[in-house]
Amino acid sequence: MPLLVRVTAIPTSPQHIPDITGRHDLWWSGKRFSAKIDEQDFDCGYPARVWTETAQVRLRSLISEESLDHASTPRLIRSDGLVEFSLIHPEREPIRGSDSRVYLGWIISLVAGVIAQVNHMRERLAWDAVAYGLEVEVWASRPLGVFWNDQSYNSYTMRADLPLRLPRYSLASNDDRDGIITTIIRDLLNACGNNSTVICQVPWDSLKNAAPI
């Protein structure tokens, strides 16, 4: 079974983007970034560094068209305002007793990308008052290892049922974005049996300046 991580944001009230297939200016382009984890620099370059592709047109939506036969990072924005970023990895060799694994940097990158895409759309659509709900799901085979990176000795094993669906998070325009990512990472580590107090910070201004394609 492959690893699938899905991060989805959708407006909490009905919305409509007219002629979204002609609105390529709404497509956010990502780039590599480093977050701060408890004031220590932490690379979150993947998958953010691959989000430079141009948007492809589909039914009332814009997508990144990728093959699902190998590792891929499909993206979607839809005319009802939905934003979805995914990470798909085929089965890989087990490591440290884990049949599948996910890195916390991947999660931070995906969540930050979704938030940046939502903010990018808000600015261009004057949607400051539009609140979003944000969901995170992880699908994988057991046992699922959760790692900071390959060099770190701090690794965890997912104790919660799989697929894992984290609680829905609020994403209003004035919400603390670092607070959202911090809560998600803490929730993931809680699901591994770890009482985490980690604090995450993302360079939002740098991501905001990523030029649209």
N, C-alpha and C. Protein backbone atom coordinates (compact mmCIF):
# COMPACT_ATOMS: atom_id res chain seq x y z
N MET A 1 0.85 -1.20 0.00
CA MET A 1 0.00 0.00 0.00
C MET A 1 0.87 1.24 0.00
N PRO A 2 0.58 2.20 -0.84
CA PRO A 2 1.40 3.42 -0.87
C PRO A 2 1.09 4.32 0.31
N LEU A 3 1.95 5.30 0.51
CA LEU A 3 1.69 6.37 1.47
C LEU A 3 0.92 7.47 0.76
N LEU A 4 -0.16 7.92 1.36
CA LEU A 4 -0.92 9.05 0.84
C LEU A 4 -1.16 10.03 1.97
N VAL A 5 -0.71 11.25 1.79
CA VAL A 5 -1.03 12.34 2.72
C VAL A 5 -1.87 13.35 1.96
N ARG A 6 -3.00 13.71 2.51
CA ARG A 6 -3.91 14.65 1.85
C ARG A 6 -4.20 15.80 2.79
N VAL A 7 -3.98 17.03 2.33
CA VAL A 7 -4.32 18.22 3.10
C VAL A 7 -5.33 19.01 2.28
N THR A 8 -6.50 19.24 2.84
CA THR A 8 -7.59 19.86 2.11
C THR A 8 -8.13 21.06 2.90
N ALA A 9 -8.36 22.16 2.21
CA ALA A 9 -9.02 23.33 2.80
C ALA A 9 -10.24 23.65 1.96
N ILE A 10 -11.37 23.89 2.62
CA ILE A 10 -12.60 24.19 1.90
C ILE A 10 -13.36 25.27 2.66
N PRO A 11 -13.96 26.22 1.93
CA PRO A 11 -14.72 27.27 2.61
C PRO A 11 -15.84 26.68 3.46
N THR A 12 -16.10 27.32 4.59
CA THR A 12 -17.17 26.86 5.49
C THR A 12 -18.53 27.38 5.07
N SER A 13 -18.58 28.24 4.05
CA SER A 13 -19.84 28.72 3.49
C SER A 13 -19.75 28.59 1.97
N PRO A 14 -20.87 28.46 1.27
CA PRO A 14 -20.84 28.28 -0.19
C PRO A 14 -20.15 29.45 -0.90
N GLN A 15 -19.25 29.11 -1.84
CA GLN A 15 -18.52 30.11 -2.61
C GLN A 15 -18.51 29.68 -4.07
N HIS A 16 -18.19 30.64 -4.94
CA HIS A 16 -18.09 30.32 -6.37
C HIS A 16 -17.08 31.26 -7.02
N ILE A 17 -16.14 30.68 -7.76
CA ILE A 17 -15.16 31.45 -8.53
C ILE A 17 -15.56 31.38 -9.99
N PRO A 18 -16.07 32.45 -10.56
CA PRO A 18 -16.49 32.41 -11.97
C PRO A 18 -15.29 32.16 -12.89
N ASP A 19 -15.48 31.33 -13.90
CA ASP A 19 -14.45 31.11 -14.93
C ASP A 19 -13.09 30.78 -14.33
N ILE A 20 -13.07 29.87 -13.38
CA ILE A 20 -11.80 29.55 -12.73
C ILE A 20 -10.79 29.00 -13.73
N THR A 21 -11.24 28.34 -14.78
CA THR A 21 -10.30 27.77 -15.74
C THR A 21 -9.53 28.83 -16.52
N GLY A 22 -10.01 30.07 -16.47
CA GLY A 22 -9.29 31.18 -17.09
C GLY A 22 -8.53 32.02 -16.08
N ARG A 23 -8.53 31.60 -14.83
CA ARG A 23 -7.90 32.38 -13.77
C ARG A 23 -6.59 31.74 -13.32
N HIS A 24 -5.63 31.66 -14.23
CA HIS A 24 -4.34 31.07 -13.88
C HIS A 24 -3.57 31.94 -12.88
N ASP A 25 -4.01 33.18 -12.71
CA ASP A 25 -3.37 34.03 -11.71
C ASP A 25 -3.68 33.56 -10.29
N LEU A 26 -4.67 32.68 -10.14
CA LEU A 26 -4.99 32.15 -8.82
C LEU A 26 -4.07 31.01 -8.40
N TRP A 27 -3.27 30.52 -9.33
CA TRP A 27 -2.40 29.36 -9.08
C TRP A 27 -1.12 29.82 -8.38
N TRP A 28 -0.95 29.36 -7.16
CA TRP A 28 0.23 29.72 -6.36
C TRP A 28 1.41 28.84 -6.73
N SER A 29 2.60 29.43 -6.82
CA SER A 29 3.81 28.68 -7.13
C SER A 29 4.70 28.64 -5.89
N GLY A 30 5.09 27.44 -5.50
CA GLY A 30 5.86 27.27 -4.27
C GLY A 30 7.35 27.32 -4.48
N LYS A 31 8.06 27.22 -3.39
CA LYS A 31 9.51 27.13 -3.42
C LYS A 31 10.01 26.56 -2.11
N ARG A 32 11.25 26.11 -2.13
CA ARG A 32 11.87 25.52 -0.95
C ARG A 32 11.89 26.54 0.19
N PHE A 33 11.70 26.06 1.43
CA PHE A 33 11.81 26.94 2.58
C PHE A 33 12.29 26.15 3.79
N SER A 34 12.75 26.88 4.77
CA SER A 34 13.13 26.30 6.06
C SER A 34 12.22 26.86 7.13
N ALA A 35 11.69 25.98 7.96
CA ALA A 35 10.90 26.40 9.11
C ALA A 35 11.82 26.46 10.33
N LYS A 36 11.30 27.01 11.40
CA LYS A 36 11.99 26.95 12.67
C LYS A 36 11.21 26.02 13.59
N ILE A 37 11.90 25.03 14.13
CA ILE A 37 11.31 24.10 15.08
C ILE A 37 12.00 24.36 16.41
N ASP A 38 11.26 24.95 17.35
CA ASP A 38 11.86 25.36 18.62
C ASP A 38 13.12 26.18 18.39
N GLU A 39 13.01 27.13 17.43
CA GLU A 39 14.08 28.09 17.10
C GLU A 39 15.25 27.47 16.35
N GLN A 40 15.17 26.20 15.98
CA GLN A 40 16.21 25.56 15.18
C GLN A 40 15.75 25.47 13.73
N ASP A 41 16.64 25.83 12.78
CA ASP A 41 16.29 25.74 11.37
C ASP A 41 16.02 24.30 10.97
N PHE A 42 14.95 24.10 10.18
CA PHE A 42 14.54 22.76 9.79
C PHE A 42 14.08 22.80 8.34
N ASP A 43 14.73 22.03 7.48
CA ASP A 43 14.45 22.06 6.05
C ASP A 43 13.09 21.43 5.74
N CYS A 44 12.26 22.19 5.04
CA CYS A 44 10.96 21.70 4.57
C CYS A 44 10.89 21.83 3.05
N GLY A 45 11.99 21.54 2.39
CA GLY A 45 12.09 21.75 0.96
C GLY A 45 11.20 20.86 0.12
N TYR A 46 10.89 19.67 0.62
CA TYR A 46 10.05 18.74 -0.14
C TYR A 46 8.74 18.55 0.59
N PRO A 47 7.63 18.63 -0.15
CA PRO A 47 7.49 18.75 -1.61
C PRO A 47 7.40 20.19 -2.13
N ALA A 48 7.60 21.20 -1.29
CA ALA A 48 7.40 22.58 -1.74
C ALA A 48 8.23 22.93 -2.97
N ARG A 49 9.43 22.37 -3.07
CA ARG A 49 10.32 22.76 -4.17
C ARG A 49 9.82 22.29 -5.53
N VAL A 50 8.88 21.35 -5.57
CA VAL A 50 8.40 20.85 -6.87
C VAL A 50 7.11 21.54 -7.30
N TRP A 51 6.62 22.49 -6.51
CA TRP A 51 5.37 23.16 -6.86
C TRP A 51 5.63 24.37 -7.75
N THR A 52 6.28 24.13 -8.85
CA THR A 52 6.56 25.21 -9.81
C THR A 52 5.90 24.94 -11.16
N GLU A 53 5.14 23.86 -11.24
CA GLU A 53 4.53 23.49 -12.51
C GLU A 53 3.36 24.41 -12.84
N THR A 54 3.05 24.53 -14.12
CA THR A 54 1.91 25.35 -14.54
C THR A 54 0.61 24.59 -14.30
N ALA A 55 -0.47 25.34 -14.16
CA ALA A 55 -1.77 24.73 -13.91
C ALA A 55 -2.34 24.14 -15.19
N GLN A 56 -3.05 23.02 -15.03
CA GLN A 56 -3.76 22.37 -16.12
C GLN A 56 -5.26 22.52 -15.89
N VAL A 57 -6.01 22.68 -16.96
CA VAL A 57 -7.45 22.90 -16.87
C VAL A 57 -8.19 21.58 -16.78
N ARG A 58 -9.13 21.53 -15.85
CA ARG A 58 -10.08 20.43 -15.74
C ARG A 58 -11.47 21.02 -15.49
N LEU A 59 -12.47 20.18 -15.24
CA LEU A 59 -13.84 20.64 -15.07
C LEU A 59 -13.95 21.57 -13.87
N ARG A 60 -14.17 22.86 -14.14
CA ARG A 60 -14.30 23.88 -13.10
C ARG A 60 -13.17 23.80 -12.08
N SER A 61 -11.97 23.56 -12.56
CA SER A 61 -10.85 23.42 -11.64
C SER A 61 -9.53 23.61 -12.37
N LEU A 62 -8.49 23.86 -11.59
CA LEU A 62 -7.11 23.87 -12.06
C LEU A 62 -6.36 22.82 -11.26
N ILE A 63 -5.51 22.06 -11.95
CA ILE A 63 -4.79 20.97 -11.28
C ILE A 63 -3.34 20.96 -11.74
N SER A 64 -2.51 20.24 -11.00
CA SER A 64 -1.20 19.85 -11.51
C SER A 64 -1.34 18.42 -11.98
N GLU A 65 -1.00 18.19 -13.22
CA GLU A 65 -1.19 16.87 -13.82
C GLU A 65 0.06 16.04 -13.62
N GLU A 66 -0.07 14.99 -12.82
CA GLU A 66 1.07 14.14 -12.52
C GLU A 66 0.65 12.68 -12.62
N SER A 67 1.60 11.83 -12.99
CA SER A 67 1.35 10.40 -13.00
C SER A 67 1.27 9.88 -11.57
N LEU A 68 0.35 8.97 -11.34
CA LEU A 68 0.22 8.36 -10.02
C LEU A 68 0.98 7.05 -9.93
N ASP A 69 1.82 6.73 -10.93
CA ASP A 69 2.57 5.49 -10.94
C ASP A 69 3.86 5.58 -10.13
N HIS A 70 4.21 6.77 -9.68
CA HIS A 70 5.43 6.96 -8.90
C HIS A 70 5.18 8.09 -7.91
N ALA A 71 6.19 8.44 -7.15
CA ALA A 71 6.03 9.52 -6.17
C ALA A 71 5.53 10.77 -6.87
N SER A 72 4.48 11.37 -6.33
CA SER A 72 3.90 12.55 -6.96
C SER A 72 3.28 13.45 -5.91
N THR A 73 3.04 14.70 -6.31
CA THR A 73 2.49 15.70 -5.39
C THR A 73 1.35 16.45 -6.07
N PRO A 74 0.24 15.79 -6.37
CA PRO A 74 -0.85 16.45 -7.09
C PRO A 74 -1.48 17.58 -6.29
N ARG A 75 -1.92 18.63 -7.02
CA ARG A 75 -2.56 19.80 -6.43
C ARG A 75 -3.85 20.09 -7.16
N LEU A 76 -4.77 20.76 -6.46
CA LEU A 76 -6.08 21.06 -7.03
C LEU A 76 -6.64 22.33 -6.39
N ILE A 77 -7.18 23.24 -7.22
CA ILE A 77 -8.08 24.28 -6.72
C ILE A 77 -9.34 24.21 -7.56
N ARG A 78 -10.50 24.40 -6.90
CA ARG A 78 -11.78 24.16 -7.55
C ARG A 78 -12.64 25.40 -7.48
N SER A 79 -13.66 25.46 -8.31
CA SER A 79 -14.48 26.68 -8.41
C SER A 79 -15.26 26.97 -7.14
N ASP A 80 -15.46 25.97 -6.27
CA ASP A 80 -16.14 26.23 -5.00
C ASP A 80 -15.17 26.67 -3.92
N GLY A 81 -13.89 26.91 -4.31
CA GLY A 81 -12.89 27.40 -3.37
C GLY A 81 -12.06 26.32 -2.72
N LEU A 82 -12.36 25.05 -2.99
CA LEU A 82 -11.58 23.97 -2.39
C LEU A 82 -10.13 24.02 -2.85
N VAL A 83 -9.22 23.76 -1.92
CA VAL A 83 -7.79 23.64 -2.21
C VAL A 83 -7.33 22.30 -1.64
N GLU A 84 -6.61 21.53 -2.45
CA GLU A 84 -6.13 20.24 -1.96
C GLU A 84 -4.73 19.96 -2.49
N PHE A 85 -3.83 19.65 -1.58
CA PHE A 85 -2.47 19.22 -1.91
C PHE A 85 -2.29 17.81 -1.37
N SER A 86 -1.69 16.94 -2.17
CA SER A 86 -1.46 15.56 -1.75
C SER A 86 -0.01 15.16 -1.98
N LEU A 87 0.40 14.13 -1.27
CA LEU A 87 1.72 13.53 -1.45
C LEU A 87 1.51 12.03 -1.53
N ILE A 88 1.96 11.43 -2.64
CA ILE A 88 1.78 10.00 -2.85
C ILE A 88 3.14 9.36 -3.06
N HIS A 89 3.45 8.33 -2.27
CA HIS A 89 4.70 7.58 -2.42
C HIS A 89 4.38 6.10 -2.56
N PRO A 90 4.98 5.42 -3.51
CA PRO A 90 4.80 3.98 -3.62
C PRO A 90 5.46 3.26 -2.45
N GLU A 91 5.19 1.99 -2.33
CA GLU A 91 5.79 1.19 -1.25
C GLU A 91 7.31 1.25 -1.35
N ARG A 92 7.97 1.38 -0.20
CA ARG A 92 9.42 1.46 -0.16
C ARG A 92 9.96 0.45 0.84
N GLU A 93 11.28 0.31 0.87
CA GLU A 93 11.90 -0.61 1.80
C GLU A 93 11.64 -0.16 3.24
N PRO A 94 11.35 -1.10 4.15
CA PRO A 94 11.14 -0.72 5.55
C PRO A 94 12.40 -0.09 6.14
N ILE A 95 12.21 0.77 7.13
CA ILE A 95 13.31 1.41 7.82
C ILE A 95 12.99 1.48 9.31
N ARG A 96 13.94 1.12 10.14
CA ARG A 96 13.79 1.16 11.60
C ARG A 96 12.51 0.46 12.05
N GLY A 97 12.22 -0.67 11.42
CA GLY A 97 11.06 -1.45 11.81
C GLY A 97 9.73 -0.94 11.31
N SER A 98 9.73 0.09 10.43
CA SER A 98 8.48 0.66 9.92
C SER A 98 8.28 0.24 8.47
N ASP A 99 7.11 -0.35 8.19
CA ASP A 99 6.80 -0.73 6.81
C ASP A 99 6.58 0.48 5.92
N SER A 100 6.12 1.58 6.48
CA SER A 100 5.95 2.83 5.74
C SER A 100 6.37 3.96 6.67
N ARG A 101 6.64 5.10 6.08
CA ARG A 101 7.14 6.22 6.90
C ARG A 101 6.72 7.55 6.30
N VAL A 102 6.61 8.51 7.19
CA VAL A 102 6.29 9.87 6.80
C VAL A 102 7.20 10.80 7.60
N TYR A 103 7.62 11.88 6.94
CA TYR A 103 8.51 12.85 7.60
C TYR A 103 7.70 14.09 7.96
N LEU A 104 7.97 14.62 9.16
CA LEU A 104 7.23 15.78 9.62
C LEU A 104 7.47 17.00 8.74
N GLY A 105 8.64 17.08 8.11
CA GLY A 105 8.90 18.16 7.17
C GLY A 105 7.96 18.11 5.98
N TRP A 106 7.58 16.89 5.54
CA TRP A 106 6.62 16.76 4.45
C TRP A 106 5.26 17.34 4.87
N ILE A 107 4.85 17.02 6.10
CA ILE A 107 3.56 17.51 6.59
C ILE A 107 3.56 19.03 6.68
N ILE A 108 4.64 19.59 7.25
CA ILE A 108 4.74 21.05 7.37
C ILE A 108 4.68 21.69 5.99
N SER A 109 5.40 21.11 5.03
CA SER A 109 5.44 21.64 3.67
C SER A 109 4.05 21.61 3.03
N LEU A 110 3.33 20.50 3.18
CA LEU A 110 2.00 20.38 2.59
C LEU A 110 1.02 21.37 3.22
N VAL A 111 1.02 21.45 4.54
CA VAL A 111 0.08 22.35 5.21
C VAL A 111 0.41 23.80 4.87
N ALA A 112 1.69 24.15 4.90
CA ALA A 112 2.10 25.52 4.56
C ALA A 112 1.71 25.84 3.12
N GLY A 113 1.86 24.88 2.21
CA GLY A 113 1.48 25.10 0.82
C GLY A 113 0.00 25.36 0.67
N VAL A 114 -0.83 24.59 1.36
CA VAL A 114 -2.28 24.80 1.29
C VAL A 114 -2.65 26.17 1.85
N ILE A 115 -2.07 26.53 2.99
CA ILE A 115 -2.38 27.84 3.58
C ILE A 115 -1.92 28.97 2.65
N ALA A 116 -0.73 28.83 2.06
CA ALA A 116 -0.24 29.85 1.14
C ALA A 116 -1.14 29.96 -0.09
N GLN A 117 -1.62 28.81 -0.60
CA GLN A 117 -2.52 28.84 -1.75
C GLN A 117 -3.84 29.51 -1.39
N VAL A 118 -4.39 29.21 -0.23
CA VAL A 118 -5.63 29.85 0.22
C VAL A 118 -5.43 31.36 0.34
N ASN A 119 -4.33 31.78 0.95
CA ASN A 119 -4.08 33.21 1.10
C ASN A 119 -3.87 33.89 -0.25
N HIS A 120 -3.22 33.19 -1.18
CA HIS A 120 -3.02 33.71 -2.53
C HIS A 120 -4.38 33.98 -3.20
N MET A 121 -5.31 33.04 -3.06
CA MET A 121 -6.65 33.21 -3.62
C MET A 121 -7.41 34.32 -2.91
N ARG A 122 -7.28 34.39 -1.60
CA ARG A 122 -7.98 35.43 -0.84
C ARG A 122 -7.59 36.83 -1.33
N GLU A 123 -6.29 37.01 -1.57
CA GLU A 123 -5.82 38.32 -1.99
C GLU A 123 -6.39 38.71 -3.34
N ARG A 124 -6.48 37.73 -4.26
CA ARG A 124 -6.92 38.04 -5.61
C ARG A 124 -8.44 38.05 -5.78
N LEU A 125 -9.15 37.45 -4.82
CA LEU A 125 -10.60 37.39 -4.91
C LEU A 125 -11.29 38.28 -3.88
N ALA A 126 -10.50 39.00 -3.09
CA ALA A 126 -11.05 39.82 -2.00
C ALA A 126 -11.91 38.97 -1.07
N TRP A 127 -11.35 37.84 -0.68
CA TRP A 127 -12.05 36.88 0.17
C TRP A 127 -11.59 36.96 1.63
N ASP A 128 -11.28 38.13 2.12
CA ASP A 128 -10.79 38.25 3.49
C ASP A 128 -11.77 37.69 4.51
N ALA A 129 -13.05 37.79 4.22
CA ALA A 129 -14.07 37.34 5.17
C ALA A 129 -14.42 35.86 5.03
N VAL A 130 -13.82 35.17 4.06
CA VAL A 130 -14.16 33.76 3.83
C VAL A 130 -13.33 32.87 4.76
N ALA A 131 -14.02 32.16 5.64
CA ALA A 131 -13.36 31.23 6.55
C ALA A 131 -13.25 29.85 5.89
N TYR A 132 -12.20 29.14 6.21
CA TYR A 132 -11.97 27.79 5.70
C TYR A 132 -11.89 26.80 6.85
N GLY A 133 -12.21 25.56 6.54
CA GLY A 133 -11.88 24.43 7.41
C GLY A 133 -10.75 23.67 6.75
N LEU A 134 -9.82 23.14 7.56
CA LEU A 134 -8.65 22.45 7.04
C LEU A 134 -8.59 21.04 7.61
N GLU A 135 -8.37 20.06 6.73
CA GLU A 135 -8.31 18.65 7.13
C GLU A 135 -7.00 18.02 6.69
N VAL A 136 -6.51 17.08 7.50
CA VAL A 136 -5.29 16.34 7.20
C VAL A 136 -5.58 14.85 7.36
N GLU A 137 -5.25 14.07 6.33
CA GLU A 137 -5.40 12.61 6.39
C GLU A 137 -4.09 11.95 6.00
N VAL A 138 -3.80 10.81 6.65
CA VAL A 138 -2.64 10.01 6.33
C VAL A 138 -3.10 8.57 6.13
N TRP A 139 -2.84 8.05 4.93
CA TRP A 139 -3.14 6.65 4.60
C TRP A 139 -1.81 5.92 4.41
N ALA A 140 -1.65 4.78 5.07
CA ALA A 140 -0.39 4.03 4.97
C ALA A 140 -0.60 2.65 5.56
N SER A 141 0.34 1.78 5.29
CA SER A 141 0.32 0.45 5.90
C SER A 141 1.01 0.51 7.26
N ARG A 142 0.66 -0.40 8.11
CA ARG A 142 1.26 -0.48 9.45
C ARG A 142 2.51 -1.36 9.42
N PRO A 143 3.46 -1.09 10.32
CA PRO A 143 3.53 0.06 11.22
C PRO A 143 4.05 1.29 10.48
N LEU A 144 3.46 2.45 10.78
CA LEU A 144 3.85 3.71 10.15
C LEU A 144 4.86 4.42 11.04
N GLY A 145 6.06 4.65 10.50
CA GLY A 145 7.07 5.41 11.22
C GLY A 145 6.92 6.89 10.93
N VAL A 146 7.08 7.70 11.96
CA VAL A 146 7.01 9.16 11.84
C VAL A 146 8.36 9.72 12.24
N PHE A 147 9.04 10.41 11.31
CA PHE A 147 10.42 10.84 11.51
C PHE A 147 10.55 12.35 11.31
N TRP A 148 11.49 12.94 12.02
CA TRP A 148 11.90 14.31 11.70
C TRP A 148 12.76 14.30 10.45
N ASN A 149 13.79 13.46 10.41
CA ASN A 149 14.61 13.26 9.22
C ASN A 149 15.39 11.96 9.39
N ASP A 150 16.14 11.58 8.36
CA ASP A 150 16.86 10.31 8.42
C ASP A 150 18.03 10.35 9.40
N GLN A 151 18.52 11.53 9.72
CA GLN A 151 19.66 11.65 10.61
C GLN A 151 19.26 11.69 12.09
N SER A 152 18.00 12.02 12.35
CA SER A 152 17.56 12.20 13.74
C SER A 152 17.29 10.86 14.41
N TYR A 153 17.64 10.78 15.68
CA TYR A 153 17.32 9.59 16.46
C TYR A 153 15.90 9.65 17.01
N ASN A 154 15.25 10.82 16.87
CA ASN A 154 13.88 10.98 17.36
C ASN A 154 12.91 10.47 16.31
N SER A 155 12.49 9.25 16.45
CA SER A 155 11.51 8.66 15.54
C SER A 155 10.38 8.08 16.38
N TYR A 156 9.22 7.96 15.74
CA TYR A 156 8.03 7.55 16.46
C TYR A 156 7.27 6.52 15.62
N THR A 157 6.38 5.80 16.27
CA THR A 157 5.51 4.86 15.59
C THR A 157 4.07 5.27 15.81
N MET A 158 3.31 5.35 14.73
CA MET A 158 1.92 5.77 14.82
C MET A 158 1.13 4.77 15.66
N ARG A 159 0.46 5.26 16.71
CA ARG A 159 -0.34 4.42 17.60
C ARG A 159 -1.82 4.48 17.27
N ALA A 160 -2.24 5.54 16.58
CA ALA A 160 -3.65 5.70 16.25
C ALA A 160 -4.02 4.80 15.07
N ASP A 161 -5.32 4.60 14.89
CA ASP A 161 -5.80 3.80 13.78
C ASP A 161 -5.46 4.47 12.45
N LEU A 162 -5.22 3.65 11.44
CA LEU A 162 -4.99 4.13 10.08
C LEU A 162 -6.16 3.69 9.20
N PRO A 163 -6.59 4.52 8.26
CA PRO A 163 -6.05 5.86 7.98
C PRO A 163 -6.31 6.82 9.13
N LEU A 164 -5.37 7.75 9.30
CA LEU A 164 -5.46 8.75 10.37
C LEU A 164 -6.13 10.00 9.83
N ARG A 165 -7.18 10.42 10.49
CA ARG A 165 -7.85 11.68 10.14
C ARG A 165 -7.75 12.60 11.35
N LEU A 166 -6.96 13.65 11.23
CA LEU A 166 -6.83 14.60 12.32
C LEU A 166 -8.10 15.44 12.45
N PRO A 167 -8.31 16.06 13.62
CA PRO A 167 -9.49 16.92 13.78
C PRO A 167 -9.48 18.05 12.76
N ARG A 168 -10.65 18.55 12.41
CA ARG A 168 -10.71 19.68 11.47
C ARG A 168 -10.21 20.94 12.17
N TYR A 169 -9.45 21.74 11.43
CA TYR A 169 -8.88 22.98 11.96
C TYR A 169 -9.53 24.17 11.28
N SER A 170 -9.60 25.27 12.02
CA SER A 170 -10.14 26.52 11.48
C SER A 170 -9.04 27.30 10.80
N LEU A 171 -9.36 27.86 9.63
CA LEU A 171 -8.41 28.66 8.88
C LEU A 171 -9.10 29.94 8.41
N ALA A 172 -9.26 30.87 9.35
CA ALA A 172 -9.79 32.19 9.01
C ALA A 172 -8.64 33.09 8.60
N SER A 173 -8.95 34.20 7.96
CA SER A 173 -7.90 35.06 7.42
C SER A 173 -7.02 35.64 8.52
N ASN A 174 -7.55 35.79 9.73
CA ASN A 174 -6.76 36.37 10.81
C ASN A 174 -6.24 35.34 11.80
N ASP A 175 -6.35 34.05 11.47
CA ASP A 175 -5.87 33.00 12.36
C ASP A 175 -4.35 32.97 12.41
N ASP A 176 -3.81 32.46 13.50
CA ASP A 176 -2.37 32.30 13.68
C ASP A 176 -1.91 31.11 12.84
N ARG A 177 -1.27 31.37 11.72
CA ARG A 177 -0.88 30.29 10.81
C ARG A 177 0.19 29.39 11.43
N ASP A 178 1.14 29.99 12.14
CA ASP A 178 2.13 29.17 12.84
C ASP A 178 1.46 28.31 13.91
N GLY A 179 0.44 28.88 14.55
CA GLY A 179 -0.29 28.13 15.56
C GLY A 179 -0.99 26.91 14.98
N ILE A 180 -1.54 27.06 13.76
CA ILE A 180 -2.21 25.93 13.10
C ILE A 180 -1.21 24.81 12.82
N ILE A 181 -0.05 25.17 12.24
CA ILE A 181 0.94 24.14 11.93
C ILE A 181 1.48 23.51 13.21
N THR A 182 1.72 24.31 14.23
CA THR A 182 2.18 23.78 15.51
C THR A 182 1.18 22.77 16.07
N THR A 183 -0.11 23.11 16.02
CA THR A 183 -1.14 22.21 16.53
C THR A 183 -1.18 20.91 15.74
N ILE A 184 -1.06 20.99 14.41
CA ILE A 184 -1.08 19.77 13.58
C ILE A 184 0.09 18.87 13.91
N ILE A 185 1.30 19.43 14.02
CA ILE A 185 2.46 18.61 14.34
C ILE A 185 2.34 18.01 15.74
N ARG A 186 1.85 18.79 16.69
CA ARG A 186 1.64 18.24 18.04
C ARG A 186 0.60 17.12 18.02
N ASP A 187 -0.48 17.30 17.23
CA ASP A 187 -1.50 16.26 17.15
C ASP A 187 -0.93 14.98 16.55
N LEU A 188 -0.10 15.11 15.51
CA LEU A 188 0.53 13.93 14.92
C LEU A 188 1.40 13.21 15.93
N LEU A 189 2.19 13.96 16.67
CA LEU A 189 3.06 13.34 17.66
C LEU A 189 2.26 12.77 18.84
N ASN A 190 1.16 13.44 19.20
CA ASN A 190 0.27 12.86 20.21
C ASN A 190 -0.26 11.51 19.75
N ALA A 191 -0.61 11.41 18.44
CA ALA A 191 -1.12 10.16 17.89
C ALA A 191 -0.06 9.05 17.92
N CYS A 192 1.21 9.46 18.09
CA CYS A 192 2.31 8.50 18.22
C CYS A 192 2.61 8.20 19.69
N GLY A 193 1.84 8.79 20.60
CA GLY A 193 2.08 8.58 22.02
C GLY A 193 3.07 9.54 22.63
N ASN A 194 3.39 10.65 21.93
CA ASN A 194 4.36 11.62 22.42
C ASN A 194 3.64 12.90 22.84
N ASN A 195 3.90 13.34 24.07
CA ASN A 195 3.29 14.58 24.57
C ASN A 195 4.14 15.76 24.12
N SER A 196 3.96 16.17 22.87
CA SER A 196 4.83 17.16 22.26
C SER A 196 4.48 18.58 22.70
N THR A 197 5.51 19.40 22.89
CA THR A 197 5.35 20.83 23.14
C THR A 197 6.10 21.64 22.08
N VAL A 198 6.38 21.01 20.95
CA VAL A 198 7.16 21.65 19.89
C VAL A 198 6.45 22.90 19.37
N ILE A 199 7.23 23.90 18.96
CA ILE A 199 6.69 25.13 18.37
C ILE A 199 7.26 25.27 16.96
N CYS A 200 6.39 25.49 15.97
CA CYS A 200 6.79 25.59 14.56
C CYS A 200 6.55 27.01 14.06
N GLN A 201 7.50 27.50 13.27
CA GLN A 201 7.37 28.82 12.64
C GLN A 201 7.78 28.71 11.18
N VAL A 202 6.98 29.31 10.31
CA VAL A 202 7.19 29.24 8.86
C VAL A 202 7.42 30.66 8.33
N PRO A 203 8.34 30.84 7.37
CA PRO A 203 8.59 32.18 6.80
C PRO A 203 7.51 32.57 5.79
N TRP A 204 6.36 32.98 6.28
CA TRP A 204 5.20 33.22 5.42
C TRP A 204 5.44 34.30 4.39
N ASP A 205 6.16 35.34 4.76
CA ASP A 205 6.41 36.42 3.78
C ASP A 205 7.16 35.91 2.58
N SER A 206 8.09 34.98 2.80
CA SER A 206 8.85 34.41 1.69
C SER A 206 7.93 33.59 0.78
N LEU A 207 7.01 32.84 1.35
CA LEU A 207 6.10 32.03 0.55
C LEU A 207 5.09 32.91 -0.17
N LYS A 208 4.70 33.99 0.47
CA LYS A 208 3.75 34.91 -0.16
C LYS A 208 4.34 35.52 -1.43
N ASN A 209 5.64 35.73 -1.45
CA ASN A 209 6.29 36.37 -2.58
C ASN A 209 6.59 35.41 -3.73
N ALA A 210 6.27 34.12 -3.56
CA ALA A 210 6.44 33.20 -4.66
C ALA A 210 5.53 33.62 -5.79
N ALA A 211 6.10 33.82 -6.96
CA ALA A 211 5.34 34.40 -8.08
C ALA A 211 4.37 33.41 -8.67
N PRO A 212 3.14 33.81 -8.96
CA PRO A 212 2.17 32.92 -9.61
C PRO A 212 2.59 32.65 -11.06
N ILE A 213 2.16 31.52 -11.58
CA ILE A 213 2.45 31.15 -12.97
C ILE A 213 1.20 31.36 -13.81
